[in-house]
Each structure stands twice: as C-alpha cells, then as structure tokens.
Amino acid sequence: MSEHRLQLVVIIGSVRDGRFGPTVANWFVGEAQGRDDVQVDLVDLADVPIGSAAPAMSPPDHVLQALAGLTPRLDAADAFVVVTPEYNHSYPGALKNVIDWHNAQFHAKPVAFVSYGGVSGGLRAVEHLRLVFAELHAVTTRDTVSFHGAWEQFDGDGRPKDPHGPATAAKTLLNQVTWWARALKDAKTTIPYQA
C-alpha cells in the first residue's frame, strides 16, 4: 500500500521560545506513522524565518529564500494537520503569516487540527482557523484532538499520561482527514478544482 500513501503535512504553528508545540506534534506524528496509508512530513514553522513581512506581489529576498523550501512541501501535501496553541483566544501570528503566503497549496485539500492550551485546550484557535481555511478553499474536518491543561497531560518523555483518550481522538481525526484527502484527490483527477 506504500505506493498509495497520502502525503500528510503536520505543521507546528508556534515559534515562541519555550513552546510546547513540538511535544504535542511529535506525539501526533508518532500516532500517524503507525498507519500504513500516510507518509508524514513534519513542518516546524520555527525553521521558516519569514518574520512579520506581509504577503506582497514581490516578496523580499529573505522571504523568497525561506519559502523556497516550504512551498514545495505544502504543494506536495494531500492533507494537513495543524498543531496550534491558543494565544489570546486565537492562533499564533506566525501560523497566519505562513498561511497568508500560500493559497493554492490549500485548495481542495483537507485540514485537521490538534490543539493545546489551558482551559479551552486551544479550541478557540481552531474555530478561528476554520474561517481562514474556508477562505483558502480548504475543507476542515469536524473532529479535533485537543489537550486541555496540556502541560499537565504529558509526562517527561513527551507522551500523554493517559494515552487511551488522545490515541482514540487521533485515530478518529486521521480517519476523517484521510477520507477527505482520498475523496478530494479522486475528485480532482476527474474534474480539476477551480478556485
């Protein structure tokens, strides 16, 4: 089945020092890699130094250089999973900035979310991102993985202290995002998507 694997791009949305995103993302990638129907590409936005430059018709040279490595990876994706914290009832600015530099890369592709935070578990960030991705002609999945009080949910090795609930949620999310990825990929081979 490896020749039919879907390319799943997992994006770590936070770039702050001391961030918890890599812990959550690495756990999720481990869950995804246990499947034989996806190939995972982990994109850490901390490795994409585009700064706060706003999208423009002619990006500055440093932005072009940073995007040269990222854009082809997003192009190759059949589906996305965004790992995001919640900052001030919304998502990180670095994540929005990278999304804003891309558009066609998300057209007619599914996007799922793994969120983390305090009491809300990052779900307010997810709700805002759903609106953004709708504008980019993406399809967001209903179910998410959400870690409330995330810092207390993981042990020192980066694994959930209670693995059953998160693993079940990850399986549901992966089932949905891969279903949509196959359905949309098949549809685009029959009728090209027009944005």
Protein backbone atom coordinates (compact mmCIF):
# COMPACT_ATOMS: atom_id res chain seq x y z
CA MET A 1 0.00 0.00 0.00
CA SER A 2 3.02 2.33 0.32
CA GLU A 3 2.71 3.46 -3.31
CA HIS A 4 -0.78 4.75 -2.47
CA ARG A 5 0.19 6.59 0.70
CA LEU A 6 -1.18 10.06 1.20
CA GLN A 7 1.27 12.87 1.90
CA LEU A 8 0.25 14.29 5.30
CA VAL A 9 1.91 17.57 6.27
CA VAL A 10 1.84 18.26 10.01
CA ILE A 11 2.52 21.94 10.80
CA ILE A 12 3.78 23.14 14.18
CA GLY A 13 2.13 26.55 14.44
CA SER A 14 4.04 28.12 17.34
CA VAL A 15 7.53 29.61 17.06
CA ARG A 16 7.87 31.03 20.59
CA ASP A 17 10.81 30.20 22.82
CA GLY A 18 9.85 27.54 25.33
CA ARG A 19 6.89 26.42 23.21
CA PHE A 20 5.07 23.17 23.87
CA GLY A 21 4.15 22.57 20.22
CA PRO A 22 6.96 20.14 19.38
CA THR A 23 5.93 17.86 22.27
CA VAL A 24 2.35 17.66 21.01
CA ALA A 25 3.38 17.43 17.35
CA ASN A 26 5.93 14.68 17.92
CA TRP A 27 3.36 12.63 19.80
CA PHE A 28 0.85 13.10 16.98
CA VAL A 29 3.40 12.25 14.29
CA GLY A 30 4.09 9.01 16.16
CA GLU A 31 0.37 8.19 16.05
CA ALA A 32 0.19 8.96 12.32
CA GLN A 33 3.30 6.97 11.49
CA GLY A 34 1.63 3.89 12.93
CA ARG A 35 -0.63 3.85 9.87
CA ASP A 36 0.27 2.39 6.51
CA ASP A 37 -1.80 4.86 4.46
CA VAL A 38 0.11 8.09 5.17
CA GLN A 39 3.59 9.46 4.75
CA VAL A 40 4.22 12.24 7.29
CA ASP A 41 6.16 15.44 6.67
CA LEU A 42 6.63 17.50 9.85
CA VAL A 43 6.92 21.23 9.14
CA ASP A 44 8.18 23.32 12.06
CA LEU A 45 7.46 26.99 11.41
CA ALA A 46 10.36 27.91 13.68
CA ASP A 47 12.53 26.70 10.79
CA VAL A 48 10.83 29.06 8.30
CA PRO A 49 12.27 32.51 9.09
CA ILE A 50 9.90 34.79 7.20
CA GLY A 51 9.48 37.25 10.06
CA SER A 52 6.46 39.51 10.03
CA ALA A 53 6.65 40.52 6.39
CA ALA A 54 3.15 40.80 5.00
CA PRO A 55 2.29 38.99 1.76
CA ALA A 56 3.01 41.15 -1.26
CA MET A 57 3.23 40.80 -5.01
CA SER A 58 7.04 40.83 -4.79
CA PRO A 59 8.27 39.18 -1.58
CA PRO A 60 11.59 40.37 -0.14
CA ASP A 61 14.59 38.15 -0.89
CA HIS A 62 14.80 36.67 2.63
CA VAL A 63 11.14 35.63 2.41
CA LEU A 64 11.64 34.09 -1.03
CA GLN A 65 14.57 32.08 0.32
CA ALA A 66 12.57 30.84 3.32
CA LEU A 67 9.56 29.95 1.19
CA ALA A 68 11.68 28.13 -1.39
CA GLY A 69 11.96 25.18 0.98
CA LEU A 70 8.43 25.36 2.40
CA THR A 71 6.15 25.96 -0.58
CA PRO A 72 7.01 22.71 -2.44
CA ARG A 73 6.32 20.72 0.73
CA LEU A 74 2.88 22.32 1.03
CA ASP A 75 2.27 21.76 -2.68
CA ALA A 76 3.01 18.05 -2.27
CA ALA A 77 0.54 17.63 0.58
CA ASP A 78 -2.66 15.67 0.13
CA ALA A 79 -3.80 16.72 3.62
CA PHE A 80 -2.72 18.89 6.54
CA VAL A 81 -2.81 18.67 10.31
CA VAL A 82 -2.16 21.96 12.08
CA VAL A 83 -0.82 21.73 15.63
CA THR A 84 -1.71 25.01 17.31
CA PRO A 85 -1.78 26.62 20.72
CA GLU A 86 -4.21 29.33 21.66
CA TYR A 87 -2.80 32.83 22.04
CA ASN A 88 -5.25 35.45 23.30
CA HIS A 89 -8.32 33.46 22.18
CA SER A 90 -6.84 32.85 18.72
CA TYR A 91 -3.94 31.23 16.86
CA PRO A 92 -0.29 32.30 16.56
CA GLY A 93 0.65 35.14 14.23
CA ALA A 94 3.47 33.10 12.67
CA LEU A 95 0.95 30.49 11.59
CA LYS A 96 -1.31 33.10 9.98
CA ASN A 97 1.68 34.65 8.27
CA VAL A 98 2.69 31.35 6.64
CA ILE A 99 -0.91 30.64 5.64
CA ASP A 100 -1.13 34.11 4.08
CA TRP A 101 1.95 33.42 1.95
CA HIS A 102 0.17 30.40 0.48
CA ASN A 103 -3.19 29.96 -1.12
CA ALA A 104 -3.33 27.44 -3.95
CA GLN A 105 -1.39 24.98 -1.81
CA PHE A 106 -4.53 24.51 0.34
CA HIS A 107 -7.16 24.45 -2.41
CA ALA A 108 -9.49 21.44 -2.23
CA LYS A 109 -7.40 19.74 0.46
CA PRO A 110 -8.47 18.75 3.97
CA VAL A 111 -7.11 20.38 7.11
CA ALA A 112 -7.43 18.86 10.59
CA PHE A 113 -6.38 20.32 13.92
CA VAL A 114 -4.51 19.23 17.02
CA SER A 115 -4.79 21.99 19.61
CA TYR A 116 -3.49 22.57 23.08
CA GLY A 117 -3.71 25.17 25.78
CA GLY A 118 -5.20 25.90 29.15
CA VAL A 119 -8.88 25.55 29.99
CA SER A 120 -10.09 25.73 26.39
CA GLY A 121 -7.47 23.34 25.03
CA GLY A 122 -6.82 25.64 22.08
CA LEU A 123 -10.30 25.17 20.62
CA ARG A 124 -10.86 28.91 20.15
CA ALA A 125 -7.78 28.99 17.93
CA VAL A 126 -9.23 26.12 15.91
CA GLU A 127 -12.55 27.90 15.40
CA HIS A 128 -10.75 30.96 14.04
CA LEU A 129 -8.59 28.82 11.75
CA ARG A 130 -11.66 27.14 10.27
CA LEU A 131 -12.74 30.54 8.88
CA VAL A 132 -9.30 31.24 7.46
CA PHE A 133 -9.02 27.87 5.74
CA ALA A 134 -12.54 28.19 4.28
CA GLU A 135 -11.29 31.32 2.51
CA LEU A 136 -8.47 29.23 1.04
CA HIS A 137 -10.93 26.67 -0.38
CA ALA A 138 -9.81 24.02 2.11
CA VAL A 139 -12.10 21.53 3.86
CA THR A 140 -11.70 21.27 7.63
CA THR A 141 -12.55 18.11 9.50
CA ARG A 142 -15.13 18.14 12.26
CA ASP A 143 -13.20 16.23 14.90
CA THR A 144 -10.03 17.50 16.53
CA VAL A 145 -7.52 16.38 19.11
CA SER A 146 -7.47 18.86 21.98
CA PHE A 147 -5.31 18.94 25.08
CA HIS A 148 -6.77 20.98 27.95
CA GLY A 149 -4.16 21.93 30.53
CA ALA A 150 -1.66 20.43 28.11
CA TRP A 151 1.43 20.86 30.26
CA GLU A 152 -0.03 18.52 32.88
CA GLN A 153 -1.23 15.98 30.28
CA PHE A 154 2.23 14.82 29.15
CA ASP A 155 4.98 13.00 31.02
CA GLY A 156 8.71 13.83 30.93
CA ASP A 157 9.18 11.70 27.82
CA GLY A 158 6.60 13.65 25.81
CA ARG A 159 3.86 11.02 25.98
CA PRO A 160 0.31 11.55 27.23
CA LYS A 161 -0.06 10.34 30.81
CA ASP A 162 -3.40 8.83 29.86
CA PRO A 163 -2.74 7.61 26.30
CA HIS A 164 -6.10 5.99 25.53
CA GLY A 165 -8.23 9.14 25.05
CA PRO A 166 -5.73 11.04 22.89
CA ALA A 167 -4.94 7.94 20.80
CA THR A 168 -8.65 7.38 20.15
CA ALA A 169 -9.12 11.03 19.18
CA ALA A 170 -6.06 10.90 16.90
CA LYS A 171 -7.40 7.79 15.17
CA THR A 172 -10.75 9.49 14.53
CA LEU A 173 -9.03 12.63 13.21
CA LEU A 174 -6.74 10.60 10.94
CA ASN A 175 -9.65 8.55 9.62
CA GLN A 176 -11.52 11.73 8.72
CA VAL A 177 -8.62 13.64 7.18
CA THR A 178 -7.51 10.67 5.08
CA TRP A 179 -11.07 10.01 3.90
CA TRP A 180 -11.37 13.61 2.74
CA ALA A 181 -7.89 13.52 1.20
CA ARG A 182 -8.76 10.48 -0.92
CA ALA A 183 -12.18 11.81 -1.88
CA LEU A 184 -10.81 15.20 -2.92
CA LYS A 185 -7.80 13.73 -4.68
CA ASP A 186 -10.05 11.41 -6.69
CA ALA A 187 -12.44 14.26 -7.49
CA LYS A 188 -9.61 16.47 -8.74
CA THR A 189 -8.44 13.75 -11.15
CA THR A 190 -11.93 13.74 -12.70
CA ILE A 191 -12.69 17.45 -12.57
CA PRO A 192 -9.89 19.94 -11.81
CA TYR A 193 -10.78 22.23 -8.93
CA GLN A 194 -11.36 25.86 -9.89
CA ALA A 195 -10.97 28.43 -7.16
